[in-house]
Structures are given as structure tokens and as C-alpha cells.
Amino acid sequence: MPTLLVTGANRGLGLEFTRQYAEAGWQVHACCRSPEDSHALKALHTAHLDRITLHKLDVADFNQIDKLAETLTDTPIDVLINNAGIYPDHAGSRLSNADYEAWLTAFRVNSMSPLKMAQAFASHVAKSSEKKIINITSKMGSIADNGSGGHYIYRSSKTALNSVSKSLAIDLGNQGISVLVLHPGWVQTDMGGPNGLINAEQSVSGMRQVIAKLTPKQSGQFIAYDGQAIPW
């Protein structure tokens, strides 16, 4: 039975990843800050007690990441999905109102924690069959695609994640690990808002197909949920 570890599993894309992989027969380690307060995740857990294990994890707390990796020492992780993220920009974060403290927090959660997760769980992924690390990013992190400006915090934190992921693809390649940066589309979630072009089920279904087809030759690429390449 293949194994998934996903962060930010309490809502949105993380919750949908948990649902779809569990229903597909995977063993899922679902992580979030307060699983006891997530009614949707707890209900999903109850429906799949044999397939879903809940873990309390704040990805901004690197000690917690290390402790979880130690707890799962003997567990091969076929696919690690770094999904947890925040969108702290206020009113689009124009030049006149950038929040520098929020910027630091965004970098820790959106850019640094996926690297820390990769460091902590690389050995778990390396001893699995699929050997895949997936970092959920955004097209807003594409420099080439930025035609509207603003959103300084979110854009830069995702651009940094993209760069981190490219280096990870190179550094982990000798262990047979493939790393992919995935844009989920504009999704109707708490973060994406009600005007998103697709829903979470459509986004995750598409991303799962991309993940399933991922080969070492594609490692380090920036891909959308529909399989289309995105410019850096």
C-alpha cells in the first residue's frame, strides 16, 4: 500500500488530497496544526480509520517537524506533499502597505518549511517505491507571468519556494527522489476565494494525475494541475 504525507490537511486542497488518496487505497498521514478542531478532517478520519492517520504539526515549528520525522522513522513515504501555506497580503500588498513582519512569517511557512520537511523526510521518501516530493506553489510565484504587480509577500514567498524546489531536485536526484513544483490553479478555497475557476476536487484530481506520471526526467519542473508547463 503506497503512503502519502500531506501538510495543511485540515481544509481546502490538503483535505481533498487526503480524501482522494485515502479513497484510492493509499495510507495517508494527514498533518495540520489542530486536527482536534477540524471537523471535516475528523469526519474523514472516522470514515477511513484504517487508511488515515492524523498528526498535529505546525510547519512553522521546525522542532515539531523533526519530532514527526522521528516518530515515522520506519515509515517509507512514497509521496510527500508540502501543501501548507499562508496568504498574508493585505489589499493585494501594494507598494504603500507592505507588512514586513507578515513577510517574515510567510517566508518561514511558504518557503522555508518545505525545505525543512524535505530535509527531515528525505530518508523516508528515499526508501519508498515512488520517491516523490511535491511542493504546492502558485503561478503568482512566476516572475515571467507577473503582469500586474503587487502581492509582494505571497509572490516572493512562492518564487523562493520554486527556487528551493529546483535545488532540491538537483541535490536529491542521486537518491532517486523526484521533486515537482505544482500550481493547483485558481481554486475555490478559503485562500483562493469564491471566484476561483475550479473547485478543490477538480484541482486535486488533476494534480494527482500529474504526480502519478512524474518521472525523474521531469524533476525540478514547474507544472500546473492540468499538466501544462509554467514559465519561471
Protein backbone atom coordinates (compact mmCIF):
# COMPACT_ATOMS: atom_id res chain seq x y z
CA MET A 1 0.00 0.00 0.00
CA PRO A 2 1.59 3.33 -1.04
CA THR A 3 1.92 6.07 1.57
CA LEU A 4 1.23 9.81 1.41
CA LEU A 5 2.24 12.51 3.89
CA VAL A 6 0.44 15.83 3.36
CA THR A 7 0.60 19.08 5.33
CA GLY A 8 -2.23 21.57 5.75
CA ALA A 9 -4.73 18.71 5.65
CA ASN A 10 -7.49 20.39 7.64
CA ARG A 11 -9.12 22.24 4.75
CA GLY A 12 -9.05 23.08 1.05
CA LEU A 13 -6.56 21.25 -1.11
CA GLY A 14 -4.95 19.40 1.81
CA LEU A 15 -8.29 17.97 2.89
CA GLU A 16 -9.11 16.99 -0.68
CA PHE A 17 -5.70 15.33 -1.16
CA THR A 18 -6.40 13.34 1.99
CA ARG A 19 -9.84 12.28 0.79
CA GLN A 20 -8.87 11.30 -2.74
CA TYR A 21 -5.73 9.38 -1.82
CA ALA A 22 -7.49 7.54 1.03
CA GLU A 23 -10.36 6.58 -1.27
CA ALA A 24 -7.77 5.35 -3.80
CA GLY A 25 -6.41 2.93 -1.20
CA TRP A 26 -3.36 4.85 0.00
CA GLN A 27 -2.16 5.09 3.58
CA VAL A 28 -2.39 8.81 4.38
CA HIS A 29 -0.57 10.71 7.13
CA ALA A 30 -2.59 13.93 7.35
CA CYS A 31 -0.93 16.81 9.18
CA CYS A 32 -2.26 20.14 10.43
CA ARG A 33 -1.88 22.47 13.38
CA SER A 34 -5.06 21.46 15.23
CA PRO A 35 -6.59 18.21 13.93
CA GLU A 36 -8.82 18.10 17.01
CA ASP A 37 -10.54 21.30 15.83
CA SER A 38 -11.00 20.26 12.21
CA HIS A 39 -14.46 18.73 11.97
CA ALA A 40 -14.15 17.90 8.28
CA LEU A 41 -10.80 16.15 8.74
CA LYS A 42 -12.01 14.25 11.79
CA ALA A 43 -15.08 13.07 9.88
CA LEU A 44 -12.87 11.90 7.03
CA HIS A 45 -10.63 10.13 9.50
CA THR A 46 -13.61 8.36 11.03
CA ALA A 47 -14.72 7.19 7.59
CA HIS A 48 -11.24 5.80 6.81
CA LEU A 49 -9.78 4.74 10.16
CA ASP A 50 -7.65 2.06 8.51
CA ARG A 51 -6.14 4.47 5.98
CA ILE A 52 -5.81 7.92 7.58
CA THR A 53 -3.56 8.80 10.50
CA LEU A 54 -3.79 12.31 11.93
CA HIS A 55 -0.73 14.24 13.13
CA LYS A 56 -0.55 17.55 14.95
CA LEU A 57 2.01 19.62 13.05
CA ASP A 58 2.69 23.33 12.78
CA VAL A 59 5.10 23.56 9.84
CA ALA A 60 6.43 26.87 11.20
CA ASP A 61 7.77 24.94 14.20
CA PHE A 62 10.81 23.09 12.88
CA ASN A 63 11.21 21.12 16.12
CA GLN A 64 7.76 19.63 15.50
CA ILE A 65 8.85 18.62 12.00
CA ASP A 66 11.90 16.82 13.39
CA LYS A 67 9.80 15.06 16.04
CA LEU A 68 7.30 13.84 13.45
CA ALA A 69 10.10 12.56 11.23
CA GLU A 70 11.49 10.67 14.22
CA THR A 71 8.05 9.24 15.02
CA LEU A 72 7.76 7.97 11.44
CA THR A 73 11.36 6.75 11.21
CA ASP A 74 10.40 3.29 9.94
CA THR A 75 7.70 4.56 7.53
CA PRO A 76 8.53 4.86 3.82
CA ILE A 77 6.80 7.91 2.33
CA ASP A 78 6.01 7.44 -1.37
CA VAL A 79 4.72 10.97 -1.88
CA LEU A 80 5.38 13.95 0.39
CA ILE A 81 3.11 16.89 -0.42
CA ASN A 82 4.12 20.21 1.12
CA ASN A 83 0.73 21.86 0.85
CA ALA A 84 0.51 24.06 3.97
CA GLY A 85 0.77 27.74 3.15
CA ILE A 86 -0.50 31.19 4.03
CA TYR A 87 -1.60 34.24 2.06
CA PRO A 88 -0.88 37.24 4.32
CA ASP A 89 -1.09 40.05 1.76
CA HIS A 90 -3.48 42.81 2.78
CA ALA A 91 -5.38 44.53 -0.01
CA GLY A 92 -3.03 42.98 -2.54
CA SER A 93 0.06 44.25 -0.68
CA ARG A 94 0.74 47.28 -2.82
CA LEU A 95 3.97 49.25 -2.51
CA SER A 96 2.43 51.57 0.06
CA ASN A 97 1.32 48.94 2.58
CA ALA A 98 3.79 46.02 2.62
CA ASP A 99 3.73 44.32 6.04
CA TYR A 100 7.32 43.31 6.75
CA GLU A 101 6.56 41.20 9.83
CA ALA A 102 3.94 39.26 7.88
CA TRP A 103 6.54 38.85 5.13
CA LEU A 104 8.91 37.08 7.53
CA THR A 105 6.14 34.73 8.63
CA ALA A 106 5.20 33.98 5.03
CA PHE A 107 8.77 33.08 4.16
CA ARG A 108 9.00 30.74 7.13
CA VAL A 109 5.76 28.94 6.25
CA ASN A 110 5.72 29.10 2.44
CA SER A 111 9.42 28.91 1.59
CA MET A 112 11.47 27.57 4.50
CA SER A 113 9.17 24.89 5.90
CA PRO A 114 9.01 22.86 2.64
CA LEU A 115 12.82 22.74 2.66
CA LYS A 116 12.80 21.68 6.31
CA MET A 117 10.22 18.98 5.51
CA ALA A 118 12.40 17.74 2.65
CA GLN A 119 15.45 17.63 4.92
CA ALA A 120 13.58 15.77 7.66
CA PHE A 121 11.78 13.29 5.41
CA ALA A 122 14.25 12.71 2.56
CA SER A 123 15.31 9.36 4.03
CA HIS A 124 11.67 8.29 4.39
CA VAL A 125 10.97 9.19 0.76
CA ALA A 126 14.21 7.57 -0.48
CA LYS A 127 13.24 4.16 0.90
CA SER A 128 9.79 4.21 -0.73
CA SER A 129 8.76 2.91 -4.13
CA GLU A 130 7.66 6.21 -5.74
CA LYS A 131 10.18 8.62 -4.19
CA LYS A 132 8.36 11.91 -4.87
CA ILE A 133 8.31 15.30 -3.13
CA ILE A 134 5.63 17.72 -4.31
CA ASN A 135 5.69 21.40 -3.35
CA ILE A 136 2.40 23.23 -3.88
CA THR A 137 3.23 26.66 -5.24
CA SER A 138 1.32 29.23 -7.28
CA LYS A 139 1.50 30.76 -10.71
CA MET A 140 1.83 34.02 -8.78
CA GLY A 141 5.38 32.90 -8.00
CA SER A 142 6.26 33.04 -11.70
CA ILE A 143 8.35 36.12 -12.48
CA ALA A 144 7.68 35.79 -16.20
CA ASP A 145 3.92 35.67 -15.62
CA ASN A 146 3.78 38.73 -13.33
CA GLY A 147 1.99 41.39 -15.35
CA SER A 148 0.03 43.08 -12.59
CA GLY A 149 2.50 43.76 -9.76
CA GLY A 150 1.54 43.92 -6.09
CA HIS A 151 1.10 40.89 -3.81
CA TYR A 152 4.73 41.31 -2.76
CA ILE A 153 4.65 38.88 0.13
CA TYR A 154 2.85 35.95 -1.43
CA ARG A 155 4.55 36.28 -4.82
CA SER A 156 8.06 36.42 -3.38
CA SER A 157 7.48 33.57 -0.92
CA LYS A 158 6.32 31.31 -3.75
CA THR A 159 9.14 32.42 -6.05
CA ALA A 160 11.53 31.44 -3.26
CA LEU A 161 9.78 28.07 -2.92
CA ASN A 162 10.22 27.50 -6.65
CA SER A 163 13.95 28.17 -6.36
CA VAL A 164 14.24 25.90 -3.32
CA SER A 165 12.45 23.14 -5.21
CA LYS A 166 14.75 23.39 -8.21
CA SER A 167 17.80 22.98 -5.97
CA LEU A 168 16.15 20.08 -4.13
CA ALA A 169 15.55 18.33 -7.45
CA ILE A 170 19.28 18.52 -8.15
CA ASP A 171 20.51 17.66 -4.66
CA LEU A 172 18.12 14.71 -4.10
CA GLY A 173 18.45 13.28 -7.58
CA ASN A 174 21.24 10.92 -6.55
CA GLN A 175 18.81 9.31 -4.08
CA GLY A 176 16.29 8.71 -6.85
CA ILE A 177 13.92 11.34 -5.45
CA SER A 178 11.89 13.45 -7.89
CA VAL A 179 10.80 16.96 -6.86
CA LEU A 180 7.99 18.84 -8.58
CA VAL A 181 6.57 22.35 -8.15
CA LEU A 182 2.81 22.22 -8.72
CA HIS A 183 0.41 25.10 -9.40
CA PRO A 184 -3.09 23.98 -8.33
CA GLY A 185 -4.93 26.54 -10.45
CA TRP A 186 -7.19 29.27 -9.12
CA VAL A 187 -9.23 27.15 -6.75
CA GLN A 188 -12.41 27.88 -4.82
CA THR A 189 -10.96 27.52 -1.32
CA ASP A 190 -10.63 29.73 1.76
CA MET A 191 -7.35 31.01 0.32
CA GLY A 192 -8.40 31.20 -3.33
CA GLY A 193 -11.78 32.76 -2.61
CA PRO A 194 -15.22 32.09 -4.11
CA ASN A 195 -14.32 33.36 -7.59
CA GLY A 196 -11.86 30.57 -8.33
CA LEU A 197 -12.12 28.96 -11.76
CA ILE A 198 -12.14 25.35 -10.48
CA ASN A 199 -13.06 23.56 -7.27
CA ALA A 200 -10.76 21.58 -4.98
CA GLU A 201 -11.91 18.21 -6.34
CA GLN A 202 -11.01 19.21 -9.91
CA SER A 203 -7.67 20.67 -8.88
CA VAL A 204 -6.56 17.71 -6.79
CA SER A 205 -7.78 15.20 -9.36
CA GLY A 206 -5.61 16.93 -11.96
CA MET A 207 -2.61 17.19 -9.65
CA ARG A 208 -2.84 13.51 -8.75
CA GLN A 209 -2.60 12.63 -12.43
CA VAL A 210 0.48 14.82 -12.81
CA ILE A 211 2.04 13.26 -9.70
CA ALA A 212 1.30 9.73 -10.89
CA LYS A 213 3.02 10.41 -14.23
CA LEU A 214 6.04 12.16 -12.70
CA THR A 215 9.37 10.64 -13.75
CA PRO A 216 12.91 11.54 -12.65
CA LYS A 217 13.42 13.30 -16.01
CA GLN A 218 10.68 15.78 -15.05
CA SER A 219 12.15 16.51 -11.63
CA GLY A 220 12.60 20.22 -10.99
CA GLN A 221 9.86 21.36 -13.35
CA PHE A 222 7.10 23.94 -12.67
CA ILE A 223 3.79 22.39 -13.75
CA ALA A 224 0.09 23.27 -13.45
CA TYR A 225 -2.64 20.91 -12.30
CA ASP A 226 -3.57 20.25 -15.94
CA GLY A 227 -0.04 19.21 -16.87
CA GLN A 228 0.91 22.45 -18.62
CA ALA A 229 4.41 23.84 -18.03
CA ILE A 230 4.60 27.27 -16.37
CA PRO A 231 7.44 29.74 -17.06
CA TRP A 232 9.68 30.54 -14.12
